[in-house]
Structures are given as structure tokens and as C-alpha cells.
Amino acid sequence: MGASNARCSHPIEPAVLLDYWMHTIDGVTIESVEAHLFACDDCGNRLRQIEALVEALRELAQSGAVKVVVDSRYAQRALDAGRKVREYAPPPGGTVQCTVSADDDLLIGSLAADLSGAERVDVAFCTTTGVELQRLVDVPFDARAGAIAYQESITFAKGAPSNTLLVRLLAIEPQGNERLIGDFTFNHTRTIPGPPASGRDA
């Protein structure tokens, strides 16, 4: 990095730094960013902070402990790495029976849907009566994949009582209106010995 330790008067936007680190910006922008980073210690330090944060979030997601949307190759990569993955794929509007065992590492729900035309997609987790418990907002998706995969917290699932969860894919229109893309019902049966943890439905 450069010799100056002064605060940058024209800092690079965090989103641009993230795109630079992920190699998702064009060559002209890369050259501009790299020239700035070479001369600016402040932005270089911010880039390293972003790198550390992304790596920490990646490790957390890979632990299986958090609910998060994952890409379509995530489960296969985990299997290739020797992890035990339990995956369920109910049909749109349908129901699947599901459970977890004590030695499972990851729990994946695959939600097949026509995502064409959607600009923003939310994933809502609801009771069977439609009461929303939790929502993942503006999730990443590839319309060509024809599905969205999400990782349920394996920690929560292992402690959860038997219950039923309704998962809804919602397209959010520019005006803020919601359009139902598909709903999926997961009937979870607890099979791990011992009393279930108390708390919200899974």
C-alpha cells in the first residue's frame, strides 16, 4: 500500500470494494480501484476489514448454524467435502415429511419455482395459518436455476419439537406489492432422543 496514513477524502464505496474482492467488476473499474488502493492505506485497511468479515460470515454459514439462502451447488460441495447433508424438496404447493439425525451436518430445503420476471424475492417462514415468523429479505437467486435453496439452522432443527412450517417464496414488485411464487410445507418429526428445546416453531 502507499505511504500515506491520512484519512481518505474520497473513499471507495464498500459495495465497490466487495465487488473488487469478489472479482465481479469490469477491468476498467479494477484498474481504477487498484490505483487508488496502491496510494491509499485507509481504503486498503477497509478492504482487509471487508475480507475478514466475508470470511467470518462464510465460516458461520458453512457451520450449518444459521438460516441462509445458498447457491444450487452448495449441497454437492458439502457432500464432496465429506459432510452429512439432509436435503428436502417439496413440490410447489406440496408437503414433505422431514427430520434430522444427531450426526447430520447440514439441512437444506430446495424450493422449485418459476422465478422468471422476478426482480426481488423474499423467503417467508410461516405457521400453517399463515402467521409470518421470520423473513429472509431480497435473497440472491438465479432465475435460470428454477429453484431457491435455503439452509435451515441444523442447531435449531436438532432441538426443535415436531412441528409444521409453511415456507413462501414472494416476488416483491417495484411498488412494494407481494406476489406469491410458491408455497411449500415441511412436516418436521423429531427423532433425536431427549426433550425438545422450547421456542418458536421451526
Protein backbone atom coordinates (compact mmCIF):
# COMPACT_ATOMS: atom_id res chain seq x y z
CA MET A 1 0.00 0.00 0.00
CA GLY A 2 1.01 3.66 -0.28
CA ALA A 3 2.93 5.73 2.17
CA SER A 4 0.10 7.99 3.38
CA ASN A 5 -1.72 7.20 6.63
CA ALA A 6 -4.19 10.12 6.32
CA ARG A 7 -7.94 9.52 6.20
CA CYS A 8 -9.11 9.21 2.61
CA SER A 9 -11.01 12.24 1.30
CA HIS A 10 -12.67 10.18 -1.46
CA PRO A 11 -13.09 6.67 -0.02
CA ILE A 12 -14.11 3.80 -2.27
CA GLU A 13 -17.69 2.69 -1.61
CA PRO A 14 -17.92 -0.54 0.46
CA ALA A 15 -20.01 -2.20 -2.29
CA VAL A 16 -17.25 -1.47 -4.84
CA LEU A 17 -14.60 -2.87 -2.51
CA LEU A 18 -16.69 -6.01 -2.05
CA ASP A 19 -17.19 -6.39 -5.81
CA TYR A 20 -13.46 -5.90 -6.31
CA TRP A 21 -12.65 -8.60 -3.77
CA MET A 22 -15.18 -10.96 -5.39
CA HIS A 23 -13.87 -10.20 -8.91
CA THR A 24 -17.30 -9.07 -10.13
CA ILE A 25 -16.37 -5.67 -11.61
CA ASP A 26 -15.07 -4.81 -15.08
CA GLY A 27 -11.43 -4.32 -15.99
CA VAL A 28 -11.56 -0.53 -16.20
CA THR A 29 -13.02 -0.29 -12.69
CA ILE A 30 -10.47 -2.80 -11.40
CA GLU A 31 -7.62 -0.64 -12.69
CA SER A 32 -9.11 2.45 -11.04
CA VAL A 33 -9.66 0.66 -7.72
CA GLU A 34 -6.17 -0.86 -7.71
CA ALA A 35 -4.57 2.52 -8.45
CA HIS A 36 -6.47 4.04 -5.53
CA LEU A 37 -5.60 1.16 -3.19
CA PHE A 38 -1.90 1.43 -4.09
CA ALA A 39 -1.86 5.04 -2.90
CA CYS A 40 -4.34 4.84 -0.02
CA ASP A 41 -3.68 2.98 3.23
CA ASP A 42 -7.10 3.92 4.58
CA CYS A 43 -9.04 2.18 1.80
CA GLY A 44 -6.59 -0.73 1.90
CA ASN A 45 -7.41 -1.23 5.58
CA ARG A 46 -11.12 -1.07 4.82
CA LEU A 47 -10.67 -3.72 2.12
CA ARG A 48 -8.94 -6.01 4.62
CA GLN A 49 -11.78 -5.47 7.09
CA ILE A 50 -14.29 -6.47 4.40
CA GLU A 51 -12.24 -9.57 3.57
CA ALA A 52 -12.19 -10.59 7.24
CA LEU A 53 -15.94 -10.02 7.61
CA VAL A 54 -16.80 -12.02 4.48
CA GLU A 55 -14.61 -14.91 5.60
CA ALA A 56 -16.19 -14.89 9.06
CA LEU A 57 -19.69 -14.92 7.54
CA ARG A 58 -18.70 -17.73 5.18
CA GLU A 59 -17.40 -19.83 8.06
CA LEU A 60 -20.60 -19.17 10.01
CA ALA A 61 -22.78 -20.22 7.06
CA GLN A 62 -20.71 -23.34 6.46
CA SER A 63 -21.09 -24.32 10.11
CA GLY A 64 -24.77 -25.01 9.39
CA ALA A 65 -25.81 -22.99 12.42
CA VAL A 66 -27.60 -20.16 10.59
CA LYS A 67 -30.61 -19.92 8.30
CA VAL A 68 -29.40 -18.54 4.98
CA VAL A 69 -30.05 -18.85 1.23
CA VAL A 70 -27.30 -20.82 -0.53
CA ASP A 71 -26.44 -21.45 -4.16
CA SER A 72 -27.52 -24.54 -6.08
CA ARG A 73 -24.07 -26.20 -5.80
CA TYR A 74 -23.72 -25.71 -2.05
CA ALA A 75 -25.10 -29.11 -1.02
CA GLN A 76 -22.96 -31.02 -3.52
CA ARG A 77 -19.82 -29.18 -2.43
CA ALA A 78 -20.60 -30.10 1.17
CA LEU A 79 -21.13 -33.75 0.22
CA ASP A 80 -17.85 -33.75 -1.72
CA ALA A 81 -16.15 -32.42 1.42
CA GLY A 82 -17.46 -35.39 3.41
CA ARG A 83 -20.22 -33.60 5.28
CA LYS A 84 -23.58 -35.25 6.00
CA VAL A 85 -26.33 -33.32 4.24
CA ARG A 86 -30.05 -33.85 4.62
CA GLU A 87 -31.98 -32.20 1.76
CA TYR A 88 -35.73 -31.95 1.16
CA ALA A 89 -37.50 -30.70 -1.96
CA PRO A 90 -41.28 -30.49 -1.63
CA PRO A 91 -43.18 -29.79 -4.85
CA PRO A 92 -44.70 -26.30 -5.23
CA GLY A 93 -47.88 -26.26 -3.16
CA GLY A 94 -46.94 -29.63 -1.71
CA THR A 95 -45.79 -31.17 1.54
CA VAL A 96 -42.74 -33.16 2.54
CA GLN A 97 -42.07 -35.20 5.67
CA CYS A 98 -38.69 -34.31 7.15
CA THR A 99 -36.42 -34.89 10.12
CA VAL A 100 -32.78 -34.65 11.18
CA SER A 101 -30.45 -37.04 12.96
CA ALA A 102 -27.77 -36.29 15.51
CA ASP A 103 -24.92 -36.78 13.02
CA ASP A 104 -26.33 -34.55 10.24
CA ASP A 105 -24.16 -31.53 9.44
CA LEU A 106 -26.45 -29.51 7.15
CA LEU A 107 -30.19 -29.24 6.47
CA ILE A 108 -31.22 -27.88 3.07
CA GLY A 109 -34.66 -27.05 1.68
CA SER A 110 -34.90 -26.82 -2.13
CA LEU A 111 -37.82 -24.68 -3.33
CA ALA A 112 -38.58 -25.21 -7.03
CA ALA A 113 -40.34 -22.26 -8.66
CA ASP A 114 -40.67 -20.17 -11.80
CA LEU A 115 -38.55 -17.15 -10.94
CA SER A 116 -38.69 -15.51 -14.37
CA GLY A 117 -39.65 -11.85 -14.21
CA ALA A 118 -38.88 -11.54 -10.50
CA GLU A 119 -36.65 -8.62 -9.55
CA ARG A 120 -36.62 -9.23 -5.81
CA VAL A 121 -37.53 -12.39 -3.91
CA ASP A 122 -38.22 -12.77 -0.19
CA VAL A 123 -38.50 -16.09 1.66
CA ALA A 124 -41.14 -16.04 4.40
CA PHE A 125 -41.39 -18.68 7.12
CA CYS A 126 -44.93 -19.03 8.46
CA THR A 127 -47.20 -21.08 10.67
CA THR A 128 -49.78 -23.29 8.98
CA THR A 129 -52.32 -20.49 9.47
CA GLY A 130 -50.12 -18.04 7.57
CA VAL A 131 -48.71 -16.07 10.51
CA GLU A 132 -45.23 -14.94 9.47
CA LEU A 133 -42.47 -15.90 11.90
CA GLN A 134 -39.38 -14.82 10.01
CA ARG A 135 -38.38 -13.48 6.61
CA LEU A 136 -35.20 -13.50 4.54
CA VAL A 137 -35.36 -10.27 2.54
CA ASP A 138 -34.10 -9.74 -1.02
CA VAL A 139 -32.33 -13.09 -1.25
CA PRO A 140 -29.82 -13.84 -4.02
CA PHE A 141 -31.27 -16.02 -6.79
CA ASP A 142 -30.64 -17.19 -10.34
CA ALA A 143 -33.88 -17.34 -12.31
CA ARG A 144 -32.32 -19.90 -14.66
CA ALA A 145 -31.84 -22.34 -11.78
CA GLY A 146 -35.60 -22.68 -11.30
CA ALA A 147 -35.23 -23.03 -7.54
CA ILE A 148 -34.04 -21.34 -4.38
CA ALA A 149 -32.17 -23.37 -1.79
CA TYR A 150 -32.02 -22.36 1.83
CA GLN A 151 -30.11 -23.79 4.73
CA GLU A 152 -32.08 -24.23 7.92
CA SER A 153 -30.11 -23.94 11.14
CA ILE A 154 -29.10 -27.52 11.92
CA THR A 155 -28.60 -26.49 15.55
CA PHE A 156 -32.19 -25.31 15.79
CA ALA A 157 -33.58 -28.29 13.85
CA LYS A 158 -31.88 -30.80 16.12
CA GLY A 159 -33.51 -29.23 19.16
CA ALA A 160 -36.90 -28.50 17.61
CA PRO A 161 -40.10 -30.34 18.57
CA SER A 162 -42.24 -31.97 15.90
CA ASN A 163 -43.94 -29.15 14.01
CA THR A 164 -45.13 -27.92 10.61
CA LEU A 165 -43.58 -24.97 8.76
CA LEU A 166 -45.01 -23.19 5.73
CA VAL A 167 -42.34 -21.57 3.54
CA ARG A 168 -43.41 -18.99 0.97
CA LEU A 169 -41.47 -17.53 -1.95
CA LEU A 170 -42.64 -13.98 -2.62
CA ALA A 171 -41.78 -11.74 -5.55
CA ILE A 172 -41.66 -8.12 -4.39
CA GLU A 173 -42.78 -5.72 -7.10
CA PRO A 174 -41.16 -2.27 -7.50
CA GLN A 175 -44.28 -0.69 -5.94
CA GLY A 176 -43.87 -2.94 -2.90
CA ASN A 177 -46.69 -5.36 -3.75
CA GLU A 178 -46.10 -9.03 -2.97
CA ARG A 179 -46.79 -11.82 -5.47
CA LEU A 180 -46.82 -15.42 -4.29
CA ILE A 181 -44.44 -17.52 -6.37
CA GLY A 182 -44.94 -20.74 -4.45
CA ASP A 183 -45.53 -22.23 -1.04
CA PHE A 184 -44.01 -25.35 0.48
CA THR A 185 -44.93 -27.24 3.64
CA PHE A 186 -42.36 -29.03 5.78
CA ASN A 187 -43.69 -31.50 8.37
CA HIS A 188 -40.82 -31.96 10.80
CA THR A 189 -40.76 -35.04 13.02
CA ARG A 190 -38.38 -35.03 15.95
CA THR A 191 -36.36 -38.26 16.04
CA ILE A 192 -33.42 -37.31 18.26
CA PRO A 193 -33.79 -38.69 21.80
CA GLY A 194 -34.31 -36.30 24.66
CA PRO A 195 -36.67 -33.42 25.35
CA PRO A 196 -37.06 -30.82 22.59
CA ALA A 197 -35.99 -27.24 23.15
CA SER A 198 -38.73 -24.74 23.77
CA GLY A 199 -39.27 -21.78 21.44
CA ARG A 200 -40.89 -20.80 18.17
CA ASP A 201 -41.98 -23.29 15.52
CA ALA A 202 -39.23 -24.22 13.06
